[in-house]
Amino acid sequence: MKFAALRSTVGYQAGLLGVVALVASAALALANHYTAAAIAAAEAADLQASLSQVLPVGFSDNDLLRDTLTLIDAEGAPLTVYRARKGEGVEGVIYQVTGNGYAGPIAIVMGVDRDGRILGVRITKHTETPGLGDKIDSAKSGWALAFSGKSLDPSAPQRWAVKKDGGDFDQFTGATITPRAVVKAVKQGLEFFAAHRSELIDGAKSASNGTPG
């Protein structure tokens, strides 16, 4: 059979498609093999940077990424907690909470010291309206800094709200839903800490040598 005629057959075309798919798959697998380590390292560096942003300078001396604990949050979902240590003692913890913003979920990383006071809050991901709700982002304004040093006060729960609702936190003109969602999520994060403090702080096994909890 001449080659031109062979090319027109279904078997030839199917075989050629199979070869192309095999070569493409092999190329993707090879690229993934050689870039996986670099991607993992970049992701770890980004996570380390996010965790460090909610801790005062010099607050811990351990590897946060290797000293973790997984607990179940109020929604029944697993939550990874990163423990900040000085020597053997756990001085604070860091974890993520999520708020339901105007345009979608708002990912928030918060650090809490062993006494339940907020060390820092940073917004790591959101889709809020530019120029309005995006002021929650520390790159846009210092609004999130207002959480530092605050803690739960059972005698005055109304303080954990925006000023429009009688609380302590500023709202944004034309975008009250966004800061309201963040304040609520951070408050829930403190409630999580209060509910699990013994596991997070007092019951934490030593991992100063880098062994995950």
Protein backbone atom coordinates (compact mmCIF):
# COMPACT_ATOMS: atom_id res chain seq x y z
CA MET A 1 0.00 0.00 0.00
CA LYS A 2 1.38 3.38 -0.94
CA PHE A 3 2.12 5.81 1.87
CA ALA A 4 -0.41 8.36 0.64
CA ALA A 5 -3.12 5.73 0.73
CA LEU A 6 -1.95 4.52 4.13
CA ARG A 7 -2.28 8.01 5.56
CA SER A 8 -5.94 8.07 4.70
CA THR A 9 -6.77 4.95 6.65
CA VAL A 10 -8.45 5.09 10.06
CA GLY A 11 -5.81 2.83 11.58
CA TYR A 12 -2.96 5.13 10.54
CA GLN A 13 -4.68 8.25 11.83
CA ALA A 14 -5.53 6.58 15.15
CA GLY A 15 -1.98 5.34 15.52
CA LEU A 16 -0.53 8.76 14.73
CA LEU A 17 -2.83 10.37 17.27
CA GLY A 18 -1.74 7.82 19.84
CA VAL A 19 1.95 8.54 19.18
CA VAL A 20 1.38 12.30 19.50
CA ALA A 21 -0.51 11.83 22.75
CA LEU A 22 2.23 9.54 24.10
CA VAL A 23 4.97 12.03 23.22
CA ALA A 24 3.00 14.91 24.78
CA SER A 25 2.37 12.91 27.96
CA ALA A 26 6.04 11.98 28.20
CA ALA A 27 7.05 15.62 27.76
CA LEU A 28 4.63 16.75 30.48
CA ALA A 29 5.83 14.04 32.85
CA LEU A 30 9.45 14.99 32.22
CA ALA A 31 8.74 18.69 32.77
CA ASN A 32 6.84 17.92 35.98
CA HIS A 33 9.71 15.75 37.21
CA TYR A 34 12.28 18.50 36.75
CA THR A 35 10.12 21.37 38.04
CA ALA A 36 8.30 19.69 40.95
CA ALA A 37 11.10 20.35 43.43
CA ALA A 38 11.39 24.01 42.43
CA ILE A 39 7.62 24.50 42.62
CA ALA A 40 7.46 22.84 46.04
CA ALA A 41 10.31 25.02 47.29
CA ALA A 42 8.62 28.17 46.02
CA GLU A 43 5.31 27.21 47.66
CA ALA A 44 7.09 26.47 50.94
CA ALA A 45 8.86 29.84 50.78
CA ASP A 46 5.54 31.64 50.14
CA LEU A 47 3.91 29.84 53.05
CA GLN A 48 6.85 30.59 55.34
CA ALA A 49 6.60 34.26 54.39
CA SER A 50 2.87 34.34 55.13
CA LEU A 51 3.38 32.74 58.53
CA SER A 52 6.22 35.06 59.43
CA GLN A 53 4.13 38.15 58.62
CA VAL A 54 1.83 37.52 61.58
CA LEU A 55 4.62 37.03 64.10
CA PRO A 56 6.77 39.75 65.71
CA VAL A 57 10.42 39.65 64.68
CA GLY A 58 12.32 37.11 66.77
CA PHE A 59 9.15 35.64 68.27
CA SER A 60 10.11 32.03 67.48
CA ASP A 61 13.23 30.05 66.74
CA ASN A 62 11.80 26.85 65.28
CA ASP A 63 10.93 25.74 61.74
CA LEU A 64 7.24 26.62 61.56
CA LEU A 65 6.61 24.43 58.52
CA ARG A 66 7.84 21.32 60.35
CA ASP A 67 6.07 21.93 63.66
CA THR A 68 2.39 21.41 62.90
CA LEU A 69 -0.76 20.02 64.42
CA THR A 70 -4.04 19.15 62.70
CA LEU A 71 -7.29 19.73 64.56
CA ILE A 72 -10.95 19.82 63.53
CA ASP A 73 -12.47 23.30 63.30
CA ALA A 74 -16.03 24.37 64.16
CA GLU A 75 -17.20 23.40 60.67
CA GLY A 76 -15.88 19.85 61.05
CA ALA A 77 -13.00 20.40 58.63
CA PRO A 78 -9.31 19.63 59.34
CA LEU A 79 -7.24 22.71 60.16
CA THR A 80 -3.44 22.79 60.08
CA VAL A 81 -1.91 24.74 62.95
CA TYR A 82 1.69 25.94 62.92
CA ARG A 83 3.33 26.24 66.34
CA ALA A 84 5.81 29.00 67.15
CA ARG A 85 8.36 28.02 69.79
CA LYS A 86 11.14 29.55 71.80
CA GLY A 87 13.24 26.62 72.86
CA GLU A 88 10.87 23.90 74.07
CA GLY A 89 7.89 26.11 74.86
CA VAL A 90 5.06 26.93 72.49
CA GLU A 91 4.70 30.70 72.54
CA GLY A 92 1.98 30.99 69.92
CA VAL A 93 0.19 29.38 67.00
CA ILE A 94 -0.70 30.34 63.44
CA TYR A 95 -3.57 29.08 61.33
CA GLN A 96 -5.94 30.09 58.56
CA VAL A 97 -9.55 31.13 58.87
CA THR A 98 -11.96 32.00 56.08
CA GLY A 99 -14.47 34.81 55.80
CA ASN A 100 -17.40 35.02 53.40
CA GLY A 101 -16.84 38.32 51.66
CA TYR A 102 -18.91 40.31 49.18
CA ALA A 103 -17.25 38.70 46.14
CA GLY A 104 -16.25 35.31 47.57
CA PRO A 105 -14.12 33.60 50.22
CA ILE A 106 -11.45 35.61 52.04
CA ALA A 107 -8.41 33.61 53.21
CA ILE A 108 -6.96 34.98 56.44
CA VAL A 109 -3.83 33.93 58.32
CA MET A 110 -3.77 34.83 62.00
CA GLY A 111 -1.23 34.41 64.76
CA VAL A 112 -2.26 34.06 68.41
CA ASP A 113 0.02 34.04 71.45
CA ARG A 114 -0.26 31.56 74.29
CA ASP A 115 -2.52 33.94 76.24
CA GLY A 116 -5.05 34.29 73.42
CA ARG A 117 -3.94 37.70 72.15
CA ILE A 118 -3.68 38.28 68.43
CA LEU A 119 -0.11 38.65 67.19
CA GLY A 120 -1.07 39.58 63.66
CA VAL A 121 -3.64 39.14 60.90
CA ARG A 122 -2.96 39.10 57.16
CA ILE A 123 -5.27 38.56 54.20
CA THR A 124 -3.64 36.06 51.84
CA LYS A 125 -6.32 35.66 49.17
CA HIS A 126 -9.54 37.45 48.21
CA THR A 127 -11.62 38.65 45.26
CA GLU A 128 -13.12 41.76 46.82
CA THR A 129 -13.84 44.88 44.77
CA PRO A 130 -10.71 46.91 43.89
CA GLY A 131 -10.74 50.32 45.52
CA LEU A 132 -13.40 49.30 48.04
CA GLY A 133 -13.21 45.90 49.76
CA ASP A 134 -9.57 45.30 48.87
CA LYS A 135 -8.53 47.67 51.68
CA ILE A 136 -8.43 44.58 53.89
CA ASP A 137 -5.19 43.70 52.08
CA SER A 138 -2.13 44.95 53.97
CA ALA A 139 -0.61 45.98 50.64
CA LYS A 140 -3.50 48.45 50.23
CA SER A 141 -3.94 49.79 53.76
CA GLY A 142 -3.09 49.20 57.41
CA TRP A 143 -6.64 48.20 58.33
CA ALA A 144 -5.72 44.64 59.36
CA LEU A 145 -3.15 45.93 61.85
CA ALA A 146 -6.03 46.92 64.15
CA PHE A 147 -6.40 43.28 65.20
CA SER A 148 -2.96 43.06 66.81
CA GLY A 149 -3.09 42.81 70.59
CA LYS A 150 -6.81 42.13 70.75
CA SER A 151 -8.37 39.11 72.44
CA LEU A 152 -11.79 37.72 73.31
CA ASP A 153 -13.64 39.53 76.08
CA PRO A 154 -16.68 37.48 77.17
CA SER A 155 -18.06 40.53 78.95
CA ALA A 156 -18.08 42.64 75.77
CA PRO A 157 -18.69 40.43 72.70
CA GLN A 158 -20.23 43.39 70.88
CA ARG A 159 -16.75 44.86 70.42
CA TRP A 160 -16.04 42.22 67.77
CA ALA A 161 -17.93 44.04 65.03
CA VAL A 162 -17.46 47.01 62.73
CA LYS A 163 -18.29 50.44 64.16
CA LYS A 164 -21.47 50.59 62.11
CA ASP A 165 -22.67 47.59 64.13
CA GLY A 166 -21.47 49.00 67.46
CA GLY A 167 -18.01 47.39 67.46
CA ASP A 168 -14.37 48.51 67.49
CA PHE A 169 -13.38 48.05 63.85
CA ASP A 170 -13.57 50.55 61.00
CA GLN A 171 -15.73 49.77 58.00
CA PHE A 172 -15.10 50.99 54.45
CA THR A 173 -17.32 53.47 52.66
CA GLY A 174 -19.47 51.45 50.28
CA ALA A 175 -18.01 48.11 51.39
CA THR A 176 -19.18 47.22 54.88
CA ILE A 177 -19.75 43.55 54.04
CA THR A 178 -16.03 42.89 53.50
CA PRO A 179 -14.61 44.13 56.83
CA ARG A 180 -17.61 42.67 58.63
CA ALA A 181 -16.75 39.24 57.18
CA VAL A 182 -13.10 39.52 58.23
CA VAL A 183 -13.93 40.61 61.78
CA LYS A 184 -16.36 37.72 62.15
CA ALA A 185 -13.81 35.20 60.82
CA VAL A 186 -11.03 36.45 63.13
CA LYS A 187 -13.37 36.30 66.11
CA GLN A 188 -14.19 32.71 65.21
CA GLY A 189 -10.45 32.07 64.99
CA LEU A 190 -10.05 33.26 68.57
CA GLU A 191 -12.96 31.09 69.64
CA PHE A 192 -11.18 28.12 68.02
CA PHE A 193 -8.06 28.94 70.03
CA ALA A 194 -10.04 29.20 73.27
CA ALA A 195 -11.71 25.86 72.62
CA HIS A 196 -8.44 24.06 71.86
CA ARG A 197 -5.86 25.94 73.91
CA SER A 198 -4.81 22.92 75.97
CA GLU A 199 -4.07 20.95 72.81
CA LEU A 200 -2.37 23.84 71.03
CA ILE A 201 -0.22 25.13 73.87
CA ASP A 202 -0.12 23.06 77.04
CA GLY A 203 -0.48 19.63 75.44
CA ALA A 204 1.87 20.24 72.51
CA LYS A 205 4.69 17.71 72.36
CA SER A 206 8.15 19.05 71.89
CA ALA A 207 9.14 19.41 68.25
CA SER A 208 12.10 21.69 68.59
CA ASN A 209 14.15 19.20 66.62
CA GLY A 210 11.87 19.65 63.62
CA THR A 211 9.66 16.60 64.14
CA PRO A 212 6.06 17.27 63.07
CA GLY A 213 3.43 16.96 65.77
